[in-house]
């Protein structure tokens, strides 16, 4: 955990510390404590299950932002072989917030596009904290069209606090870049699998989020606005008193969005969350991705496109009244 934990994780860390101390004492003093240690480990498993199954929506938002949570680059390293990163949008620049390239997932060739936040302060600045500029969306679309031309399925890993709102980004057509991606991605003739691995905020996430299957890891969130942004607009809240209220109202969690039929499947995380077992989280996610890659492999391109458009048209609820 590298010393970082959220408030609701404290009892778990204290129990882990106690187990570690008992193991060290048992080894160092040659004292038989295996029975006691086994009991504590059983209690730890129960405590993890109890804690993480009862998280509030705001707690899951905070968990999605955990600094030790695996990022796109981590999932690529753990799941993908022979990954070759490609750069640039061929118009302006190479956006470091988007990590994209071709690789193999258990022998299946894929284009992988991921939003990358960064692991430490230096990398986060380099990656612009995962907030894409217009050239990031254009780079992603350029490579997606290349994949479409050669019949290569696409995997998108979403993890962003939103598209970059700076003046330069707006001058270079941020809204147009996102809107173009929404239109063009509906027409790509290859399977597109979306996996939300952390934060899925606003148009910044949706700009690369049009797909045939949308997966969400258990402790992630996906919404038109962050709880903080919602609280600031509705209640002028600056102290954070309304963040939890906003998260509850927005229904941002994977379970919420599955119920609302915005996503297709919730991907479970290892006990304690993906940040406590990155390799385990990657294995679980890889199995889900492979399942859908194989399932969609034999669907005709025209059927993929028709189903994809229908999928997004059917989202949401509206009422109309005739006079």
Protein backbone atom coordinates (compact mmCIF):
# COMPACT_ATOMS: atom_id res chain seq x y z
CA UNK A 1 0.00 0.00 0.00
CA UNK A 2 3.08 2.27 0.22
CA UNK A 3 1.65 3.96 3.33
CA UNK A 4 -1.45 5.33 1.57
CA UNK A 5 -4.91 4.20 2.61
CA UNK A 6 -8.43 5.56 2.67
CA UNK A 7 -10.21 6.02 6.00
CA UNK A 8 -12.47 2.99 5.57
CA UNK A 9 -9.42 0.81 4.79
CA UNK A 10 -7.73 1.49 8.14
CA UNK A 11 -9.14 -1.56 10.03
CA UNK A 12 -7.98 -3.82 7.17
CA UNK A 13 -4.45 -2.39 7.21
CA UNK A 14 -4.23 -2.70 11.00
CA UNK A 15 -5.21 -6.38 10.80
CA UNK A 16 -2.71 -6.97 7.97
CA UNK A 17 -0.01 -5.34 10.09
CA UNK A 18 -0.87 -7.59 13.02
CA UNK A 19 -0.68 -10.72 10.82
CA UNK A 20 2.69 -9.63 9.46
CA UNK A 21 4.06 -9.01 12.96
CA UNK A 22 2.87 -12.42 14.15
CA UNK A 23 4.50 -14.15 11.16
CA UNK A 24 7.79 -12.34 11.80
CA UNK A 25 7.67 -13.17 15.51
CA UNK A 26 6.84 -16.81 14.79
CA UNK A 27 9.78 -17.10 12.41
CA UNK A 28 12.26 -15.14 14.48
CA UNK A 29 11.46 -16.79 17.84
CA UNK A 30 10.61 -20.25 16.43
CA UNK A 31 7.17 -20.09 18.05
CA UNK A 32 4.27 -22.07 16.59
CA UNK A 33 1.50 -19.56 15.80
CA UNK A 34 0.09 -21.03 12.59
CA UNK A 35 -3.37 -21.62 14.12
CA UNK A 36 -3.66 -18.05 15.39
CA UNK A 37 -2.36 -16.64 12.10
CA UNK A 38 -4.85 -18.72 10.10
CA UNK A 39 -7.70 -17.39 12.24
CA UNK A 40 -6.58 -13.81 11.67
CA UNK A 41 -6.24 -14.39 7.91
CA UNK A 42 -9.77 -15.78 7.83
CA UNK A 43 -10.96 -12.71 9.71
CA UNK A 44 -9.07 -10.51 7.23
CA UNK A 45 -10.87 -12.10 4.28
CA UNK A 46 -14.23 -11.60 5.99
CA UNK A 47 -13.39 -8.00 6.87
CA UNK A 48 -12.35 -7.21 3.28
CA UNK A 49 -15.54 -8.74 1.89
CA UNK A 50 -17.69 -6.91 4.43
CA UNK A 51 -15.95 -3.55 3.97
CA UNK A 52 -15.85 -3.43 0.17
CA UNK A 53 -19.36 -4.82 -0.31
CA UNK A 54 -20.90 -1.98 1.70
CA UNK A 55 -19.09 1.01 0.22
CA UNK A 56 -21.12 4.14 -0.50
CA UNK A 57 -21.05 5.65 -3.97
CA UNK A 58 -18.70 8.41 -2.82
CA UNK A 59 -16.34 5.85 -1.28
CA UNK A 60 -16.19 4.00 -4.61
CA UNK A 61 -15.37 7.27 -6.36
CA UNK A 62 -12.49 7.76 -3.95
CA UNK A 63 -11.37 4.16 -4.46
CA UNK A 64 -11.35 4.68 -8.24
CA UNK A 65 -8.81 7.47 -7.65
CA UNK A 66 -6.55 5.47 -5.35
CA UNK A 67 -2.92 6.33 -6.25
CA UNK A 68 -1.95 2.62 -6.27
CA UNK A 69 -4.79 1.63 -8.57
CA UNK A 70 -3.51 0.08 -11.85
CA UNK A 71 -3.49 2.41 -14.84
CA UNK A 72 -3.77 1.70 -18.56
CA UNK A 73 -0.01 1.11 -18.83
CA UNK A 74 -0.18 -1.43 -15.99
CA UNK A 75 -2.98 -3.40 -17.63
CA UNK A 76 -1.13 -3.35 -20.94
CA UNK A 77 2.04 -4.70 -19.30
CA UNK A 78 0.11 -7.40 -17.44
CA UNK A 79 -2.24 -8.48 -20.24
CA UNK A 80 -0.72 -7.61 -23.62
CA UNK A 81 2.33 -9.04 -25.37
CA UNK A 82 4.42 -7.42 -28.11
CA UNK A 83 2.79 -4.03 -27.57
CA UNK A 84 3.97 -1.38 -30.02
CA UNK A 85 2.98 2.18 -29.14
CA UNK A 86 2.14 4.62 -31.94
CA UNK A 87 2.16 8.39 -31.68
CA UNK A 88 0.67 11.58 -33.09
CA UNK A 89 -2.57 12.77 -34.65
CA UNK A 90 -0.89 13.91 -37.94
CA UNK A 91 -2.36 17.39 -37.40
CA UNK A 92 -0.80 19.03 -34.36
CA UNK A 93 1.00 16.91 -31.75
CA UNK A 94 1.25 13.69 -29.80
CA UNK A 95 -1.02 13.79 -26.73
CA UNK A 96 0.72 11.94 -23.88
CA UNK A 97 -2.59 11.48 -22.06
CA UNK A 98 -3.49 8.82 -24.64
CA UNK A 99 -1.47 5.62 -24.76
CA UNK A 100 -2.25 3.69 -27.95
CA UNK A 101 -0.78 0.92 -30.04
CA UNK A 102 -1.10 -2.65 -31.31
CA UNK A 103 -0.43 -5.81 -29.36
CA UNK A 104 -1.57 -9.37 -28.69
CA UNK A 105 -4.00 -10.60 -26.04
CA UNK A 106 -3.54 -14.37 -25.81
CA UNK A 107 -2.74 -14.48 -29.52
CA UNK A 108 -5.53 -12.12 -30.62
CA UNK A 109 -4.22 -8.98 -32.30
CA UNK A 110 -5.83 -5.84 -30.88
CA UNK A 111 -5.55 -2.09 -31.02
CA UNK A 112 -5.36 -0.86 -27.43
CA UNK A 113 -6.26 2.76 -26.65
CA UNK A 114 -5.94 3.88 -23.04
CA UNK A 115 -6.11 7.11 -21.10
CA UNK A 116 -3.02 7.37 -18.91
CA UNK A 117 -2.89 9.42 -15.70
CA UNK A 118 0.62 8.70 -14.47
CA UNK A 119 2.04 7.00 -11.38
CA UNK A 120 3.91 9.86 -9.73
CA UNK A 121 3.92 13.65 -9.84
CA UNK A 122 6.41 13.88 -12.71
CA UNK A 123 4.55 11.39 -14.89
CA UNK A 124 1.16 12.88 -14.04
CA UNK A 125 2.35 16.24 -15.29
CA UNK A 126 3.79 14.57 -18.40
CA UNK A 127 0.50 12.77 -19.01
CA UNK A 128 -1.59 15.84 -18.12
CA UNK A 129 -3.29 13.79 -15.39
CA UNK A 130 -5.09 11.74 -18.04
CA UNK A 131 -6.96 14.76 -19.42
CA UNK A 132 -6.91 14.57 -23.20
CA UNK A 133 -6.38 17.44 -25.62
CA UNK A 134 -8.10 17.40 -29.03
CA UNK A 135 -5.01 15.78 -30.54
CA UNK A 136 -5.46 12.87 -28.12
CA UNK A 137 -8.94 12.13 -29.45
CA UNK A 138 -7.69 12.61 -33.02
CA UNK A 139 -4.77 10.25 -32.42
CA UNK A 140 -7.17 7.65 -31.03
CA UNK A 141 -9.50 7.99 -34.01
CA UNK A 142 -6.64 7.82 -36.51
CA UNK A 143 -5.51 4.50 -35.08
CA UNK A 144 -9.06 3.18 -34.73
CA UNK A 145 -9.64 3.81 -38.43
CA UNK A 146 -6.38 2.00 -39.16
CA UNK A 147 -7.59 -0.96 -37.10
CA UNK A 148 -10.91 -0.86 -38.95
CA UNK A 149 -9.14 -0.94 -42.29
CA UNK A 150 -7.27 -4.13 -41.34
CA UNK A 151 -10.07 -5.83 -39.43
CA UNK A 152 -8.40 -5.59 -36.01
CA UNK A 153 -10.64 -5.43 -32.89
CA UNK A 154 -10.29 -2.43 -30.58
CA UNK A 155 -9.90 -2.36 -26.79
CA UNK A 156 -10.37 0.98 -25.05
CA UNK A 157 -9.29 1.54 -21.42
CA UNK A 158 -11.03 4.56 -19.91
CA UNK A 159 -9.58 6.42 -16.93
CA UNK A 160 -9.89 10.20 -16.97
CA UNK A 161 -11.17 13.05 -14.77
CA UNK A 162 -12.39 14.68 -17.99
CA UNK A 163 -11.20 16.25 -21.22
CA UNK A 164 -8.68 19.07 -20.74
CA UNK A 165 -10.61 22.38 -20.43
CA UNK A 166 -7.75 24.77 -21.26
CA UNK A 167 -7.93 27.65 -23.73
CA UNK A 168 -5.51 26.01 -26.17
CA UNK A 169 -7.58 22.82 -26.22
CA UNK A 170 -10.73 24.81 -26.94
CA UNK A 171 -8.97 26.79 -29.68
CA UNK A 172 -7.92 23.55 -31.36
CA UNK A 173 -11.47 22.20 -31.34
CA UNK A 174 -11.94 20.08 -28.22
CA UNK A 175 -15.70 19.76 -28.61
CA UNK A 176 -15.41 19.04 -32.35
CA UNK A 177 -12.82 16.31 -31.75
CA UNK A 178 -15.02 14.55 -29.20
CA UNK A 179 -18.14 14.92 -31.36
CA UNK A 180 -16.33 13.55 -34.42
CA UNK A 181 -15.18 10.52 -32.42
CA UNK A 182 -18.75 9.85 -31.29
CA UNK A 183 -19.90 9.81 -34.90
CA UNK A 184 -16.96 7.95 -36.41
CA UNK A 185 -16.74 5.24 -33.76
CA UNK A 186 -20.32 4.18 -34.43
CA UNK A 187 -19.28 3.36 -38.02
CA UNK A 188 -16.11 1.36 -37.39
CA UNK A 189 -16.49 -2.14 -38.91
CA UNK A 190 -14.64 -4.01 -36.14
CA UNK A 191 -15.54 -5.04 -32.56
CA UNK A 192 -14.97 -2.32 -29.96
CA UNK A 193 -14.72 -3.29 -26.31
CA UNK A 194 -14.74 -0.52 -23.72
CA UNK A 195 -13.38 -1.11 -20.20
CA UNK A 196 -13.69 1.57 -17.54
CA UNK A 197 -10.75 0.92 -15.22
CA UNK A 198 -10.86 4.03 -13.02
CA UNK A 199 -12.67 7.30 -13.60
CA UNK A 200 -15.03 7.84 -16.50
CA UNK A 201 -15.83 11.52 -16.40
CA UNK A 202 -18.02 13.39 -18.84
CA UNK A 203 -17.27 13.79 -22.56
CA UNK A 204 -13.62 13.16 -21.76
CA UNK A 205 -14.51 9.49 -21.30
CA UNK A 206 -17.26 9.30 -23.90
CA UNK A 207 -14.92 10.70 -26.57
CA UNK A 208 -13.37 7.23 -26.85
CA UNK A 209 -16.26 5.34 -25.23
CA UNK A 210 -18.52 4.23 -28.07
CA UNK A 211 -18.39 0.44 -28.27
CA UNK A 212 -20.19 -2.85 -28.73
CA UNK A 213 -19.58 -3.92 -25.13
CA UNK A 214 -19.00 -1.64 -22.13
CA UNK A 215 -17.35 -3.17 -19.07
CA UNK A 216 -16.83 -1.47 -15.72
CA UNK A 217 -14.53 -2.67 -13.02
CA UNK A 218 -16.29 -3.00 -9.69
CA UNK A 219 -14.76 0.05 -8.00
CA UNK A 220 -14.98 2.60 -10.80
CA UNK A 221 -17.34 5.43 -11.67
CA UNK A 222 -18.84 6.79 -14.89
CA UNK A 223 -20.95 9.93 -15.15
CA UNK A 224 -21.68 13.08 -17.09
CA UNK A 225 -20.05 15.08 -14.28
CA UNK A 226 -17.98 14.40 -11.17
CA UNK A 227 -19.64 14.57 -7.74
CA UNK A 228 -17.48 17.61 -6.96
CA UNK A 229 -18.59 19.39 -10.12
CA UNK A 230 -22.23 18.55 -9.45
CA UNK A 231 -21.99 19.81 -5.85
CA UNK A 232 -20.35 23.05 -6.98
CA UNK A 233 -23.08 23.75 -9.54
CA UNK A 234 -26.14 22.75 -7.51
CA UNK A 235 -25.15 23.78 -4.00
CA UNK A 236 -22.16 26.12 -4.51
CA UNK A 237 -20.30 23.69 -2.28
CA UNK A 238 -16.59 24.36 -1.81
CA UNK A 239 -16.01 22.54 1.50
CA UNK A 240 -16.96 19.09 0.25
CA UNK A 241 -20.07 18.78 2.40
CA UNK A 242 -22.24 17.76 -0.54
CA UNK A 243 -19.91 15.42 -2.44
CA UNK A 244 -21.51 12.30 -1.01
CA UNK A 245 -25.01 13.66 -1.66
CA UNK A 246 -24.07 14.40 -5.26
CA UNK A 247 -22.57 10.94 -5.78
CA UNK A 248 -25.75 9.31 -4.48
CA UNK A 249 -27.94 11.44 -6.75
CA UNK A 250 -25.81 10.87 -9.86
CA UNK A 251 -25.76 7.05 -9.45
CA UNK A 252 -22.19 6.79 -10.70
CA UNK A 253 -21.21 3.25 -9.73
CA UNK A 254 -20.93 0.15 -11.90
CA UNK A 255 -23.95 -1.44 -10.19
CA UNK A 256 -26.03 1.68 -10.88
CA UNK A 257 -25.08 1.84 -14.54
CA UNK A 258 -25.72 -1.85 -15.07
CA UNK A 259 -29.21 -1.37 -13.67
CA UNK A 260 -29.70 1.65 -15.95
CA UNK A 261 -28.44 -0.45 -18.93
CA UNK A 262 -25.68 2.01 -19.74
CA UNK A 263 -23.04 -0.72 -19.37
CA UNK A 264 -23.10 -4.43 -20.15
CA UNK A 265 -21.17 -6.06 -17.33
CA UNK A 266 -19.59 -5.34 -13.95
CA UNK A 267 -16.12 -6.89 -13.72
CA UNK A 268 -15.34 -8.03 -10.15
CA UNK A 269 -12.07 -7.01 -8.54
CA UNK A 270 -9.84 -9.10 -6.26
CA UNK A 271 -10.57 -8.91 -2.52
CA UNK A 272 -9.66 -5.44 -1.31
CA UNK A 273 -9.80 -3.86 -4.77
CA UNK A 274 -7.59 -3.69 -7.85
CA UNK A 275 -5.06 -1.47 -6.06
CA UNK A 276 -4.25 -4.32 -3.65
CA UNK A 277 -3.77 -6.97 -6.35
CA UNK A 278 -2.97 -5.51 -9.76
CA UNK A 279 -2.04 -8.82 -11.34
CA UNK A 280 -5.24 -10.46 -10.12
CA UNK A 281 -7.34 -7.57 -11.45
CA UNK A 282 -5.62 -7.81 -14.84
CA UNK A 283 -6.30 -11.57 -15.04
CA UNK A 284 -9.99 -11.10 -14.30
CA UNK A 285 -10.33 -8.26 -16.82
CA UNK A 286 -8.41 -10.21 -19.48
CA UNK A 287 -10.84 -13.13 -19.25
CA UNK A 288 -13.80 -10.81 -19.73
CA UNK A 289 -12.19 -9.09 -22.71
CA UNK A 290 -11.24 -12.38 -24.38
CA UNK A 291 -14.79 -13.64 -23.96
CA UNK A 292 -16.23 -10.70 -25.87
CA UNK A 293 -13.44 -10.57 -28.46
CA UNK A 294 -14.23 -14.18 -29.36
CA UNK A 295 -17.99 -13.64 -29.15
CA UNK A 296 -17.91 -10.69 -31.56
CA UNK A 297 -15.31 -12.15 -33.93
CA UNK A 298 -17.85 -13.71 -36.29
CA UNK A 299 -20.40 -10.89 -36.30
CA UNK A 300 -20.65 -9.25 -39.72
CA UNK A 301 -19.41 -5.62 -39.83
CA UNK A 302 -22.79 -4.27 -40.94
CA UNK A 303 -24.47 -6.05 -38.02
CA UNK A 304 -21.87 -4.71 -35.57
CA UNK A 305 -22.55 -1.16 -36.71
CA UNK A 306 -26.34 -1.56 -36.63
CA UNK A 307 -26.29 -3.08 -33.15
CA UNK A 308 -23.88 -0.44 -31.86
CA UNK A 309 -26.08 2.42 -33.05
CA UNK A 310 -29.19 0.77 -31.62
CA UNK A 311 -27.42 0.19 -28.31
CA UNK A 312 -26.75 3.89 -27.77
CA UNK A 313 -30.08 5.06 -29.17
CA UNK A 314 -31.86 2.90 -26.60
CA UNK A 315 -30.04 4.47 -23.65
CA UNK A 316 -32.02 6.78 -21.42
CA UNK A 317 -35.72 7.30 -20.77
CA UNK A 318 -37.96 10.01 -22.12
CA UNK A 319 -41.68 10.76 -22.16
CA UNK A 320 -43.66 12.53 -24.84
CA UNK A 321 -47.16 13.88 -24.66
CA UNK A 322 -49.46 14.57 -27.56
CA UNK A 323 -51.80 17.55 -27.48
